[in-house]
N, C-alpha and C. Protein backbone atom coordinates (compact mmCIF):
# COMPACT_ATOMS: atom_id res chain seq x y z
N MET A 1 -7.14 -10.05 13.10
CA MET A 1 -6.94 -9.32 11.84
C MET A 1 -5.56 -8.70 11.85
N VAL A 2 -4.82 -8.81 10.76
CA VAL A 2 -3.50 -8.24 10.63
C VAL A 2 -3.55 -7.27 9.45
N VAL A 3 -3.05 -6.08 9.70
CA VAL A 3 -3.03 -4.99 8.66
C VAL A 3 -1.56 -4.62 8.42
N GLY A 4 -1.17 -4.65 7.11
CA GLY A 4 0.13 -4.17 6.72
C GLY A 4 -0.03 -2.89 5.92
N VAL A 5 0.76 -1.86 6.24
CA VAL A 5 0.77 -0.60 5.52
C VAL A 5 2.16 -0.37 4.99
N GLY A 6 2.24 0.02 3.73
CA GLY A 6 3.55 0.31 3.10
C GLY A 6 3.50 1.69 2.44
N ILE A 7 4.60 2.40 2.51
CA ILE A 7 4.77 3.69 1.80
C ILE A 7 6.06 3.57 1.01
N ILE A 8 5.94 3.84 -0.29
CA ILE A 8 7.02 3.71 -1.22
C ILE A 8 7.38 5.07 -1.78
N GLN A 9 8.59 5.53 -1.57
CA GLN A 9 9.00 6.79 -2.14
C GLN A 9 9.72 6.45 -3.51
N LEU A 10 9.27 7.17 -4.56
CA LEU A 10 9.77 6.89 -5.88
C LEU A 10 10.52 8.08 -6.49
N ARG A 11 11.52 7.80 -7.32
CA ARG A 11 12.17 8.86 -8.13
C ARG A 11 11.91 8.47 -9.57
N ILE A 12 11.32 9.39 -10.36
CA ILE A 12 10.96 9.10 -11.72
C ILE A 12 11.92 9.85 -12.63
N HIS A 13 12.97 9.16 -13.08
CA HIS A 13 14.04 9.76 -13.81
C HIS A 13 13.59 10.31 -15.19
N GLU A 14 12.71 9.56 -15.82
CA GLU A 14 12.34 9.95 -17.24
C GLU A 14 11.31 11.05 -17.29
N SER A 15 10.76 11.43 -16.18
CA SER A 15 9.66 12.47 -16.19
C SER A 15 10.21 13.84 -16.51
N ARG A 16 9.49 14.55 -17.36
CA ARG A 16 9.85 15.90 -17.75
C ARG A 16 8.78 16.90 -17.37
N SER A 17 7.69 16.37 -16.79
CA SER A 17 6.53 17.26 -16.40
C SER A 17 5.67 16.51 -15.42
N LEU A 18 4.76 17.26 -14.83
CA LEU A 18 3.75 16.66 -13.90
C LEU A 18 2.88 15.65 -14.65
N LYS A 19 2.56 15.95 -15.89
CA LYS A 19 1.72 15.09 -16.71
C LYS A 19 2.46 13.74 -16.92
N GLY A 20 3.75 13.83 -17.23
CA GLY A 20 4.53 12.64 -17.41
C GLY A 20 4.65 11.80 -16.17
N LYS A 21 4.87 12.51 -15.06
CA LYS A 21 4.95 11.82 -13.76
C LYS A 21 3.67 11.11 -13.42
N ARG A 22 2.52 11.83 -13.61
CA ARG A 22 1.21 11.21 -13.32
C ARG A 22 0.99 9.93 -14.12
N GLY A 23 1.44 9.93 -15.40
CA GLY A 23 1.26 8.77 -16.21
C GLY A 23 2.03 7.54 -15.67
N VAL A 24 3.26 7.81 -15.20
CA VAL A 24 4.08 6.74 -14.64
C VAL A 24 3.48 6.21 -13.33
N VAL A 25 3.06 7.15 -12.45
CA VAL A 25 2.51 6.74 -11.16
C VAL A 25 1.18 6.00 -11.35
N LYS A 26 0.30 6.52 -12.26
CA LYS A 26 -0.95 5.84 -12.52
C LYS A 26 -0.76 4.42 -13.04
N SER A 27 0.19 4.28 -13.96
CA SER A 27 0.50 2.95 -14.49
C SER A 27 1.01 2.00 -13.42
N LEU A 28 1.92 2.48 -12.57
CA LEU A 28 2.42 1.67 -11.48
C LEU A 28 1.32 1.26 -10.55
N ILE A 29 0.45 2.19 -10.18
CA ILE A 29 -0.72 1.87 -9.28
C ILE A 29 -1.62 0.90 -9.90
N ARG A 30 -2.01 1.13 -11.14
CA ARG A 30 -3.00 0.25 -11.86
C ARG A 30 -2.43 -1.18 -11.99
N ARG A 31 -1.20 -1.27 -12.39
CA ARG A 31 -0.59 -2.66 -12.58
C ARG A 31 -0.46 -3.39 -11.24
N THR A 32 -0.03 -2.65 -10.20
CA THR A 32 0.08 -3.29 -8.89
C THR A 32 -1.23 -3.65 -8.31
N GLN A 33 -2.20 -2.82 -8.47
CA GLN A 33 -3.61 -3.17 -7.99
C GLN A 33 -4.17 -4.32 -8.71
N ASN A 34 -3.97 -4.38 -10.04
CA ASN A 34 -4.46 -5.53 -10.81
C ASN A 34 -3.77 -6.86 -10.41
N GLU A 35 -2.51 -6.80 -10.14
CA GLU A 35 -1.75 -7.99 -9.80
C GLU A 35 -2.05 -8.52 -8.43
N PHE A 36 -2.27 -7.62 -7.44
CA PHE A 36 -2.40 -8.06 -6.05
C PHE A 36 -3.75 -7.79 -5.41
N ASN A 37 -4.64 -7.07 -6.07
CA ASN A 37 -5.97 -6.74 -5.52
C ASN A 37 -5.85 -6.08 -4.15
N ILE A 38 -5.11 -4.96 -4.09
CA ILE A 38 -4.85 -4.26 -2.84
C ILE A 38 -5.38 -2.81 -3.01
N SER A 39 -5.46 -2.14 -1.88
CA SER A 39 -5.70 -0.68 -1.86
C SER A 39 -4.38 0.01 -2.02
N ILE A 40 -4.27 0.88 -3.04
CA ILE A 40 -3.00 1.60 -3.33
C ILE A 40 -3.36 2.93 -3.95
N ALA A 41 -2.64 3.97 -3.57
CA ALA A 41 -2.84 5.31 -4.07
C ALA A 41 -1.59 6.18 -3.93
N GLU A 42 -1.54 7.25 -4.72
CA GLU A 42 -0.50 8.27 -4.52
C GLU A 42 -0.92 9.08 -3.33
N VAL A 43 -0.01 9.20 -2.36
CA VAL A 43 -0.40 9.82 -1.08
C VAL A 43 0.39 11.11 -0.75
N ASP A 44 1.42 11.41 -1.53
CA ASP A 44 2.23 12.63 -1.30
C ASP A 44 3.06 12.91 -2.54
N GLY A 45 3.68 14.06 -2.57
CA GLY A 45 4.55 14.45 -3.64
C GLY A 45 3.81 14.83 -4.94
N HIS A 46 2.60 15.21 -4.80
CA HIS A 46 1.77 15.51 -6.02
C HIS A 46 2.31 16.62 -6.89
N ASP A 47 3.05 17.62 -6.35
CA ASP A 47 3.53 18.71 -7.11
C ASP A 47 4.96 18.59 -7.57
N ASN A 48 5.59 17.49 -7.24
CA ASN A 48 6.99 17.26 -7.64
C ASN A 48 7.02 16.28 -8.84
N TRP A 49 7.52 16.75 -9.98
CA TRP A 49 7.43 15.95 -11.16
C TRP A 49 8.55 14.92 -11.29
N LYS A 50 9.43 14.87 -10.33
CA LYS A 50 10.48 13.84 -10.30
C LYS A 50 10.31 12.83 -9.16
N GLN A 51 9.39 13.10 -8.24
CA GLN A 51 9.20 12.17 -7.15
C GLN A 51 7.72 11.87 -6.96
N GLY A 52 7.46 10.70 -6.37
CA GLY A 52 6.11 10.33 -5.99
C GLY A 52 6.15 9.48 -4.76
N VAL A 53 5.05 9.50 -4.03
CA VAL A 53 4.94 8.66 -2.86
C VAL A 53 3.62 7.90 -2.96
N VAL A 54 3.74 6.59 -2.86
CA VAL A 54 2.58 5.66 -3.02
C VAL A 54 2.40 4.93 -1.71
N GLY A 55 1.15 4.85 -1.28
CA GLY A 55 0.81 4.06 -0.04
C GLY A 55 -0.04 2.90 -0.44
N PHE A 56 0.10 1.81 0.26
CA PHE A 56 -0.74 0.62 0.05
C PHE A 56 -1.06 -0.08 1.35
N ALA A 57 -2.10 -0.88 1.32
CA ALA A 57 -2.49 -1.64 2.51
C ALA A 57 -2.88 -3.05 2.17
N VAL A 58 -2.51 -3.97 3.04
CA VAL A 58 -2.83 -5.42 2.91
C VAL A 58 -3.48 -5.88 4.20
N VAL A 59 -4.53 -6.58 4.10
CA VAL A 59 -5.26 -7.13 5.25
C VAL A 59 -5.34 -8.63 5.14
N GLY A 60 -5.11 -9.33 6.24
CA GLY A 60 -5.20 -10.77 6.29
C GLY A 60 -5.38 -11.27 7.69
N ASN A 61 -5.37 -12.55 7.85
CA ASN A 61 -5.56 -13.14 9.19
C ASN A 61 -4.27 -13.78 9.74
N ASP A 62 -3.13 -13.61 8.99
CA ASP A 62 -1.89 -14.22 9.42
C ASP A 62 -0.76 -13.23 9.15
N ARG A 63 0.07 -12.98 10.16
CA ARG A 63 1.14 -12.03 9.98
C ARG A 63 2.14 -12.44 8.90
N GLY A 64 2.45 -13.74 8.83
CA GLY A 64 3.35 -14.24 7.81
C GLY A 64 2.87 -13.99 6.39
N PHE A 65 1.55 -14.22 6.21
CA PHE A 65 0.92 -13.99 4.93
C PHE A 65 1.03 -12.50 4.52
N VAL A 66 0.69 -11.61 5.44
CA VAL A 66 0.70 -10.16 5.17
C VAL A 66 2.13 -9.74 4.87
N ASP A 67 3.10 -10.18 5.65
CA ASP A 67 4.51 -9.82 5.42
C ASP A 67 4.99 -10.30 4.07
N SER A 68 4.63 -11.52 3.74
CA SER A 68 5.07 -12.10 2.47
C SER A 68 4.44 -11.40 1.28
N LYS A 69 3.17 -11.03 1.38
CA LYS A 69 2.48 -10.32 0.33
C LYS A 69 3.06 -8.94 0.13
N MET A 70 3.40 -8.25 1.25
CA MET A 70 4.03 -6.92 1.14
C MET A 70 5.36 -7.02 0.46
N GLU A 71 6.15 -8.03 0.76
CA GLU A 71 7.46 -8.22 0.14
C GLU A 71 7.31 -8.45 -1.34
N ARG A 72 6.32 -9.26 -1.74
CA ARG A 72 6.06 -9.51 -3.18
C ARG A 72 5.63 -8.24 -3.88
N ILE A 73 4.82 -7.40 -3.21
CA ILE A 73 4.40 -6.12 -3.78
C ILE A 73 5.59 -5.23 -4.04
N LEU A 74 6.48 -5.14 -3.06
CA LEU A 74 7.67 -4.28 -3.21
C LEU A 74 8.56 -4.79 -4.32
N ASN A 75 8.77 -6.04 -4.42
CA ASN A 75 9.56 -6.61 -5.49
C ASN A 75 8.90 -6.37 -6.86
N PHE A 76 7.60 -6.49 -6.94
CA PHE A 76 6.88 -6.26 -8.19
C PHE A 76 7.09 -4.80 -8.62
N VAL A 77 6.90 -3.83 -7.70
CA VAL A 77 7.06 -2.42 -8.03
C VAL A 77 8.52 -2.15 -8.54
N GLU A 78 9.49 -2.74 -7.84
CA GLU A 78 10.90 -2.50 -8.31
C GLU A 78 11.17 -3.11 -9.67
N ASN A 79 10.57 -4.30 -9.93
CA ASN A 79 10.81 -5.00 -11.19
C ASN A 79 10.03 -4.44 -12.37
N LEU A 80 9.05 -3.55 -12.09
CA LEU A 80 8.38 -2.80 -13.20
C LEU A 80 9.37 -1.88 -13.91
N HIS A 81 10.33 -1.38 -13.17
CA HIS A 81 11.32 -0.43 -13.75
C HIS A 81 10.71 0.83 -14.28
N LEU A 82 9.55 1.23 -13.72
CA LEU A 82 8.92 2.49 -14.12
C LEU A 82 9.52 3.68 -13.36
N ALA A 83 9.98 3.40 -12.17
CA ALA A 83 10.57 4.41 -11.29
C ALA A 83 11.50 3.73 -10.34
N GLU A 84 12.48 4.51 -9.83
CA GLU A 84 13.45 4.02 -8.85
C GLU A 84 12.78 4.10 -7.44
N VAL A 85 12.88 2.97 -6.74
CA VAL A 85 12.40 2.92 -5.38
C VAL A 85 13.47 3.49 -4.50
N VAL A 86 13.20 4.66 -3.88
CA VAL A 86 14.19 5.39 -3.09
C VAL A 86 14.14 4.96 -1.64
N ASN A 87 12.95 4.83 -1.13
CA ASN A 87 12.77 4.50 0.27
C ASN A 87 11.46 3.73 0.44
N VAL A 88 11.44 2.83 1.49
CA VAL A 88 10.25 2.08 1.78
C VAL A 88 10.06 2.09 3.31
N ARG A 89 8.79 2.32 3.70
CA ARG A 89 8.42 2.17 5.08
C ARG A 89 7.34 1.13 5.17
N ARG A 90 7.47 0.20 6.11
CA ARG A 90 6.44 -0.84 6.27
C ARG A 90 6.07 -0.99 7.74
N GLU A 91 4.80 -1.24 7.98
CA GLU A 91 4.36 -1.45 9.31
C GLU A 91 3.26 -2.55 9.31
N ILE A 92 3.36 -3.45 10.21
CA ILE A 92 2.32 -4.50 10.31
C ILE A 92 1.76 -4.45 11.74
N THR A 93 0.45 -4.38 11.85
CA THR A 93 -0.25 -4.28 13.11
C THR A 93 -1.20 -5.43 13.28
N ASN A 94 -1.22 -6.00 14.43
CA ASN A 94 -2.12 -7.11 14.73
C ASN A 94 -3.31 -6.59 15.57
N TYR A 95 -4.51 -6.84 15.13
CA TYR A 95 -5.71 -6.44 15.83
C TYR A 95 -6.42 -7.65 16.39
N SER A 96 -5.73 -8.55 17.00
CA SER A 96 -6.31 -9.83 17.45
C SER A 96 -7.29 -9.58 18.61
N ASP A 97 -7.16 -8.51 19.36
CA ASP A 97 -8.08 -8.25 20.45
C ASP A 97 -9.53 -8.09 20.00
N MET A 98 -9.74 -7.72 18.74
CA MET A 98 -11.07 -7.46 18.23
C MET A 98 -11.68 -8.81 17.69
N ALA A 99 -10.88 -9.77 17.36
CA ALA A 99 -11.41 -10.98 16.69
C ALA A 99 -12.13 -11.87 17.69
N GLY A 100 -13.17 -12.49 17.23
CA GLY A 100 -13.83 -13.50 17.97
C GLY A 100 -14.65 -13.07 19.17
N ARG A 101 -14.99 -11.80 19.27
CA ARG A 101 -15.74 -11.35 20.43
C ARG A 101 -17.08 -10.78 20.02
N TYR A 102 -17.56 -11.14 18.86
CA TYR A 102 -18.87 -10.59 18.43
C TYR A 102 -19.94 -11.45 19.04
N ASP A 103 -20.86 -10.84 19.74
CA ASP A 103 -21.96 -11.59 20.43
C ASP A 103 -23.33 -11.15 19.91
N GLY A 104 -23.33 -10.39 18.77
CA GLY A 104 -24.63 -9.95 18.23
C GLY A 104 -25.02 -8.56 18.70
N GLY A 105 -24.26 -8.02 19.63
CA GLY A 105 -24.57 -6.65 20.17
C GLY A 105 -23.36 -5.78 19.95
N ALA A 106 -23.06 -4.98 20.95
CA ALA A 106 -21.97 -4.07 20.85
C ALA A 106 -20.65 -4.84 20.87
N LEU A 107 -19.68 -4.37 20.04
CA LEU A 107 -18.34 -4.91 20.01
C LEU A 107 -17.50 -4.21 21.03
N SER A 108 -16.39 -4.83 21.39
CA SER A 108 -15.47 -4.22 22.37
C SER A 108 -15.00 -2.89 21.87
N ASP A 109 -14.56 -2.07 22.74
CA ASP A 109 -14.01 -0.73 22.41
C ASP A 109 -15.10 0.21 21.83
N GLY A 110 -16.38 -0.06 22.09
CA GLY A 110 -17.41 0.83 21.66
C GLY A 110 -17.83 0.69 20.20
N PHE A 111 -17.31 -0.28 19.48
CA PHE A 111 -17.75 -0.47 18.09
C PHE A 111 -19.16 -1.02 18.05
N GLN A 112 -19.94 -0.59 17.10
CA GLN A 112 -21.29 -1.08 16.89
C GLN A 112 -21.41 -1.71 15.56
N GLU A 113 -22.34 -2.63 15.43
CA GLU A 113 -22.59 -3.31 14.12
C GLU A 113 -23.20 -2.26 13.20
N SER A 114 -22.81 -2.26 11.94
CA SER A 114 -23.43 -1.31 10.98
C SER A 114 -24.16 -2.03 9.92
C-alpha cells in the first residue's frame, strides 16, 4: 500500500472576510474532491481570511500512480485560479511490509482484524 499526503498553502487575494475565505476554500475542496475522489480538508489557517491550508491524501498500490495523481491534483488546484498556491509539501510512504501477510488471524505489528 502506498499513501501520498499533500499540504497546500493558499493565499486568497480576493477575500475580504472569513466568510469570503471559507467560500473560496469550500469551493476548492468540493471541486477537487469531486474531480479526484480523494480525502481533502482545510487543516490550518482557519482564522486568517487571506490564507488557507488544505491537506489531502491519496492511497494506491503503486508509487508511480500515487505520485502522478498527486501532481494532477496540484495542477488542478492551481488551474482553478480560486487562490494562489504559495507552498506545497508532499510525502509518499510505502507500507509494503503490511501487504500480503494476512493469514486469517493477527496481522503483523499487532494489528487485528476488525
